[in-house]
PDB file of N, CA and C in Angstrom:
ATOM      1  N   THR A   1      13.604 -14.487  22.303  1.00  0.00           N
ATOM      2  CA  THR A   1      12.658 -14.087  21.387  1.00  0.00           C
ATOM      3  C   THR A   1      12.846 -14.848  19.837  1.00  0.00           C
ATOM      4  N   ILE A   2      11.884 -14.785  19.247  1.00  0.00           N
ATOM      5  CA  ILE A   2      12.036 -15.368  17.813  1.00  0.00           C
ATOM      6  C   ILE A   2      12.171 -14.271  16.761  1.00  0.00           C
ATOM      7  N   HIS A   3      12.771 -14.481  15.729  1.00  0.00           N
ATOM      8  CA  HIS A   3      12.932 -13.603  14.581  1.00  0.00           C
ATOM      9  C   HIS A   3      11.907 -13.746  13.699  1.00  0.00           C
ATOM     10  N   GLY A   4      11.297 -15.035  13.322  1.00  0.00           N
ATOM     11  CA  GLY A   4      10.226 -15.216  12.482  1.00  0.00           C
ATOM     12  C   GLY A   4       9.681 -16.622  12.547  1.00  0.00           C
ATOM     13  N   LEU A   5       8.516 -16.952  11.975  1.00  0.00           N
ATOM     14  CA  LEU A   5       7.936 -18.178  11.995  1.00  0.00           C
ATOM     15  C   LEU A   5       7.225 -18.401  10.738  1.00  0.00           C
ATOM     16  N   TRP A   6       7.559 -19.382   9.864  1.00  0.00           N
ATOM     17  CA  TRP A   6       6.837 -19.634   8.604  1.00  0.00           C
ATOM     18  C   TRP A   6       6.349 -20.893   8.537  1.00  0.00           C
ATOM     19  N   PRO A   7       5.366 -21.155   7.889  1.00  0.00           N
ATOM     20  CA  PRO A   7       4.955 -22.496   7.626  1.00  0.00           C
ATOM     21  C   PRO A   7       5.505 -23.142   6.462  1.00  0.00           C
ATOM     22  N   SER A   8       5.800 -24.313   6.579  1.00  0.00           N
ATOM     23  CA  SER A   8       6.480 -25.067   5.548  1.00  0.00           C
ATOM     24  C   SER A   8       6.231 -26.463   5.666  1.00  0.00           C
ATOM     25  N   ASN A   9       6.683 -27.257   4.807  1.00  0.00           N
ATOM     26  CA  ASN A   9       6.422 -29.015   4.866  1.00  0.00           C
ATOM     27  C   ASN A   9       7.917 -29.425   4.161  1.00  0.00           C
ATOM     28  N   TYR A  10       7.681 -30.526   4.313  1.00  0.00           N
ATOM     29  CA  TYR A  10       8.949 -31.347   4.002  1.00  0.00           C
ATOM     30  C   TYR A  10       9.249 -31.364   2.505  1.00  0.00           C
ATOM     31  N   SER A  11       8.053 -31.428   1.816  1.00  0.00           N
ATOM     32  CA  SER A  11       8.248 -31.451   0.192  1.00  0.00           C
ATOM     33  C   SER A  11       8.615 -30.104  -0.328  1.00  0.00           C
ATOM     34  N   ASN A  12       8.208 -29.167   0.381  1.00  0.00           N
ATOM     35  CA  ASN A  12       8.528 -27.749  -0.224  1.00  0.00           C
ATOM     36  C   ASN A  12       8.846 -26.770   1.164  1.00  0.00           C
ATOM     37  N   PRO A  13      10.022 -26.966   1.482  1.00  0.00           N
ATOM     38  CA  PRO A  13      10.748 -26.219   2.704  1.00  0.00           C
ATOM     39  C   PRO A  13      10.876 -24.877   2.453  1.00  0.00           C
ATOM     40  N   TRP A  14      10.622 -24.086   1.431  1.00  0.00           N
ATOM     41  CA  TRP A  14      11.083 -22.692   1.310  1.00  0.00           C
ATOM     42  C   TRP A  14       9.937 -21.972   1.890  1.00  0.00           C
ATOM     43  N   LYS A  15      10.300 -20.729   2.735  1.00  0.00           N
ATOM     44  CA  LYS A  15       9.421 -20.152   3.361  1.00  0.00           C
ATOM     45  C   LYS A  15       8.856 -18.882   2.492  1.00  0.00           C
ATOM     46  N   PRO A  16       7.498 -18.612   2.627  1.00  0.00           N
ATOM     47  CA  PRO A  16       6.804 -17.578   1.807  1.00  0.00           C
ATOM     48  C   PRO A  16       7.426 -16.282   2.053  1.00  0.00           C
ATOM     49  N   SER A  17       7.563 -15.421   1.132  1.00  0.00           N
ATOM     50  CA  SER A  17       7.804 -14.005   1.202  1.00  0.00           C
ATOM     51  C   SER A  17       7.273 -13.200   0.364  1.00  0.00           C
ATOM     52  N   ASN A  18       7.163 -11.982   0.414  1.00  0.00           N
ATOM     53  CA  ASN A  18       6.622 -10.972  -0.401  1.00  0.00           C
ATOM     54  C   ASN A  18       5.394 -11.261  -1.016  1.00  0.00           C
ATOM     55  N   CYS A  19       4.558 -11.656  -0.019  1.00  0.00           N
ATOM     56  CA  CYS A  19       3.045 -12.029  -0.459  1.00  0.00           C
ATOM     57  C   CYS A  19       2.188 -10.918  -0.879  1.00  0.00           C
ATOM     58  N   THR A  20       0.904 -11.112  -1.258  1.00  0.00           N
ATOM     59  CA  THR A  20       0.231 -10.066  -1.697  1.00  0.00           C
ATOM     60  C   THR A  20      -0.961  -9.660  -0.911  1.00  0.00           C
ATOM     61  N   GLY A  21      -0.978  -9.942   0.266  1.00  0.00           N
ATOM     62  CA  GLY A  21      -2.236  -9.621   1.184  1.00  0.00           C
ATOM     63  C   GLY A  21      -2.214  -8.110   1.705  1.00  0.00           C
ATOM     64  N   THR A  22      -2.903  -8.042   2.812  1.00  0.00           N
ATOM     65  CA  THR A  22      -2.952  -6.530   3.462  1.00  0.00           C
ATOM     66  C   THR A  22      -1.705  -6.165   3.649  1.00  0.00           C
ATOM     67  N   GLN A  23      -1.415  -4.898   3.504  1.00  0.00           N
ATOM     68  CA  GLN A  23      -0.353  -4.095   4.033  1.00  0.00           C
ATOM     69  C   GLN A  23      -0.285  -3.862   5.659  1.00  0.00           C
ATOM     70  N   PHE A  24       0.683  -3.823   6.523  1.00  0.00           N
ATOM     71  CA  PHE A  24       0.822  -3.592   7.601  1.00  0.00           C
ATOM     72  C   PHE A  24      -0.426  -2.376   8.239  1.00  0.00           C
ATOM     73  N   LYS A  25      -0.878  -2.627   9.301  1.00  0.00           N
ATOM     74  CA  LYS A  25      -1.667  -1.371   9.699  1.00  0.00           C
ATOM     75  C   LYS A  25      -1.691  -1.031  11.288  1.00  0.00           C
ATOM     76  N   GLN A  26      -2.019  -0.023  11.811  1.00  0.00           N
ATOM     77  CA  GLN A  26      -1.884   0.269  13.293  1.00  0.00           C
ATOM     78  C   GLN A  26      -2.401  -0.853  14.044  1.00  0.00           C
ATOM     79  N   LEU A  27      -1.522  -1.506  15.014  1.00  0.00           N
ATOM     80  CA  LEU A  27      -2.249  -2.128  15.892  1.00  0.00           C
ATOM     81  C   LEU A  27      -2.854  -1.780  17.040  1.00  0.00           C
ATOM     82  N   SER A  28      -3.650  -2.759  17.526  1.00  0.00           N
ATOM     83  CA  SER A  28      -4.396  -2.362  18.584  1.00  0.00           C
ATOM     84  C   SER A  28      -3.575  -2.217  20.009  1.00  0.00           C
ATOM     85  N   PRO A  29      -4.034  -1.226  20.704  1.00  0.00           N
ATOM     86  CA  PRO A  29      -3.143  -1.036  22.079  1.00  0.00           C
ATOM     87  C   PRO A  29      -2.788  -2.396  22.734  1.00  0.00           C
ATOM     88  N   GLN A  30      -3.861  -3.180  22.801  1.00  0.00           N
ATOM     89  CA  GLN A  30      -3.630  -4.498  23.674  1.00  0.00           C
ATOM     90  C   GLN A  30      -2.835  -5.464  22.760  1.00  0.00           C
ATOM     91  N   LEU A  31      -2.901  -5.610  21.495  1.00  0.00           N
ATOM     92  CA  LEU A  31      -1.720  -6.321  20.845  1.00  0.00           C
ATOM     93  C   LEU A  31      -0.493  -5.805  20.729  1.00  0.00           C
ATOM     94  N   GLN A  32      -0.424  -4.422  20.761  1.00  0.00           N
ATOM     95  CA  GLN A  32       0.977  -3.772  20.893  1.00  0.00           C
ATOM     96  C   GLN A  32       1.720  -4.148  22.159  1.00  0.00           C
ATOM     97  N   SER A  33       0.815  -4.167  23.225  1.00  0.00           N
ATOM     98  CA  SER A  33       1.367  -4.385  24.733  1.00  0.00           C
ATOM     99  C   SER A  33       1.896  -5.911  24.677  1.00  0.00           C
ATOM    100  N   LYS A  34       1.115  -6.923  24.208  1.00  0.00           N
ATOM    101  CA  LYS A  34       1.610  -8.220  24.230  1.00  0.00           C
ATOM    102  C   LYS A  34       2.938  -8.249  23.298  1.00  0.00           C
ATOM    103  N   LEU A  35       2.897  -7.810  22.054  1.00  0.00           N
ATOM    104  CA  LEU A  35       4.021  -7.963  21.336  1.00  0.00           C
ATOM    105  C   LEU A  35       5.476  -7.211  21.935  1.00  0.00           C
ATOM    106  N   LYS A  36       5.327  -6.123  22.511  1.00  0.00           N
ATOM    107  CA  LYS A  36       6.206  -5.412  23.242  1.00  0.00           C
ATOM    108  C   LYS A  36       6.934  -6.376  24.183  1.00  0.00           C
ATOM    109  N   ILE A  37       6.109  -7.287  24.729  1.00  0.00           N
ATOM    110  CA  ILE A  37       6.871  -8.381  25.749  1.00  0.00           C
ATOM    111  C   ILE A  37       7.337  -9.431  25.076  1.00  0.00           C
ATOM    112  N   SER A  38       6.436  -9.952  24.027  1.00  0.00           N
ATOM    113  CA  SER A  38       6.804 -11.360  23.534  1.00  0.00           C
ATOM    114  C   SER A  38       7.681 -11.230  22.243  1.00  0.00           C
ATOM    115  N   TRP A  39       7.725 -10.125  21.608  1.00  0.00           N
ATOM    116  CA  TRP A  39       8.244 -10.087  20.192  1.00  0.00           C
ATOM    117  C   TRP A  39       8.872  -8.527  20.199  1.00  0.00           C
ATOM    118  N   PRO A  40       9.979  -8.115  20.923  1.00  0.00           N
ATOM    119  CA  PRO A  40      10.592  -6.838  20.793  1.00  0.00           C
ATOM    120  C   PRO A  40      11.778  -6.780  19.698  1.00  0.00           C
ATOM    121  N   ASP A  41      11.893  -5.692  19.341  1.00  0.00           N
ATOM    122  CA  ASP A  41      13.226  -5.717  18.319  1.00  0.00           C
ATOM    123  C   ASP A  41      14.480  -5.424  19.113  1.00  0.00           C
ATOM    124  N   VAL A  42      15.153  -6.534  19.397  1.00  0.00           N
ATOM    125  CA  VAL A  42      16.253  -6.531  20.119  1.00  0.00           C
ATOM    126  C   VAL A  42      17.488  -5.741  19.347  1.00  0.00           C
ATOM    127  N   GLU A  43      17.514  -5.758  18.397  1.00  0.00           N
ATOM    128  CA  GLU A  43      18.621  -5.341  17.499  1.00  0.00           C
ATOM    129  C   GLU A  43      18.366  -3.926  17.166  1.00  0.00           C
ATOM    130  N   GLY A  44      17.411  -3.448  16.622  1.00  0.00           N
ATOM    131  CA  GLY A  44      17.192  -2.046  16.185  1.00  0.00           C
ATOM    132  C   GLY A  44      16.396  -1.302  17.222  1.00  0.00           C
ATOM    133  N   GLY A  45      15.750  -1.785  18.096  1.00  0.00           N
ATOM    134  CA  GLY A  45      15.143  -0.709  19.214  1.00  0.00           C
ATOM    135  C   GLY A  45      13.895  -0.297  18.528  1.00  0.00           C
ATOM    136  N   ASN A  46      13.233  -0.498  17.471  1.00  0.00           N
ATOM    137  CA  ASN A  46      12.310   0.032  17.013  1.00  0.00           C
ATOM    138  C   ASN A  46      11.192  -1.120  16.664  1.00  0.00           C
ATOM    139  N   ASP A  47      10.205  -1.531  17.646  1.00  0.00           N
ATOM    140  CA  ASP A  47       9.412  -2.472  17.671  1.00  0.00           C
ATOM    141  C   ASP A  47       8.513  -2.225  16.567  1.00  0.00           C
ATOM    142  N   THR A  48       7.809  -1.385  16.498  1.00  0.00           N
ATOM    143  CA  THR A  48       6.920  -0.892  15.252  1.00  0.00           C
ATOM    144  C   THR A  48       7.278  -1.129  14.038  1.00  0.00           C
ATOM    145  N   ARG A  49       8.522  -0.627  13.582  1.00  0.00           N
ATOM    146  CA  ARG A  49       9.150  -0.794  12.331  1.00  0.00           C
ATOM    147  C   ARG A  49       9.345  -2.293  12.185  1.00  0.00           C
ATOM    148  N   PHE A  50      10.086  -2.904  13.130  1.00  0.00           N
ATOM    149  CA  PHE A  50      10.334  -4.569  12.995  1.00  0.00           C
ATOM    150  C   PHE A  50       8.975  -5.273  12.709  1.00  0.00           C
ATOM    151  N   TRP A  51       7.800  -5.124  13.552  1.00  0.00           N
ATOM    152  CA  TRP A  51       6.633  -5.691  13.305  1.00  0.00           C
ATOM    153  C   TRP A  51       6.307  -5.588  11.837  1.00  0.00           C
ATOM    154  N   GLU A  52       6.380  -4.358  11.487  1.00  0.00           N
ATOM    155  CA  GLU A  52       6.057  -3.930   9.932  1.00  0.00           C
ATOM    156  C   GLU A  52       6.685  -4.625   8.960  1.00  0.00           C
ATOM    157  N   MET A  53       8.032  -4.515   9.116  1.00  0.00           N
ATOM    158  CA  MET A  53       8.795  -5.386   8.205  1.00  0.00           C
ATOM    159  C   MET A  53       8.525  -6.816   8.043  1.00  0.00           C
ATOM    160  N   GLU A  54       8.431  -7.441   9.313  1.00  0.00           N
ATOM    161  CA  GLU A  54       8.171  -8.779   9.182  1.00  0.00           C
ATOM    162  C   GLU A  54       6.553  -9.237   8.640  1.00  0.00           C
ATOM    163  N   TRP A  55       5.834  -8.228   8.809  1.00  0.00           N
ATOM    164  CA  TRP A  55       4.266  -8.438   8.393  1.00  0.00           C
ATOM    165  C   TRP A  55       4.395  -8.331   7.009  1.00  0.00           C
ATOM    166  N   ASN A  56       4.880  -7.484   6.524  1.00  0.00           N
ATOM    167  CA  ASN A  56       4.792  -7.042   4.893  1.00  0.00           C
ATOM    168  C   ASN A  56       5.686  -7.892   4.170  1.00  0.00           C
ATOM    169  N   LYS A  57       6.854  -8.869   4.681  1.00  0.00           N
ATOM    170  CA  LYS A  57       7.440  -9.534   3.934  1.00  0.00           C
ATOM    171  C   LYS A  57       6.880 -10.987   4.175  1.00  0.00           C
ATOM    172  N   GLN A  58       6.543 -11.520   5.375  1.00  0.00           N
ATOM    173  CA  GLN A  58       6.012 -12.795   5.521  1.00  0.00           C
ATOM    174  C   GLN A  58       4.731 -12.734   5.772  1.00  0.00           C
ATOM    175  N   GLY A  59       3.994 -12.009   6.564  1.00  0.00           N
ATOM    176  CA  GLY A  59       2.754 -12.275   7.197  1.00  0.00           C
ATOM    177  C   GLY A  59       1.517 -11.862   6.444  1.00  0.00           C
ATOM    178  N   ARG A  60       1.697 -11.449   5.321  1.00  0.00           N
ATOM    179  CA  ARG A  60       0.402 -11.227   4.441  1.00  0.00           C
ATOM    180  C   ARG A  60      -0.116 -12.253   3.809  1.00  0.00           C
TER     181      ARG A  60
END
């Protein structure tokens, strides 16, 4: 699995964080099923909390 994926380019390699878009919200059951397979929280064991943290920090 991957921990995160950020857009960047050669001239500005810094990853964005703490953006100001929409906060994490409840996921559809279909998306949740796919994420449980492809992006589990292998360290803490709480998938939803992991996805929320990643979304609120880098996904907005």
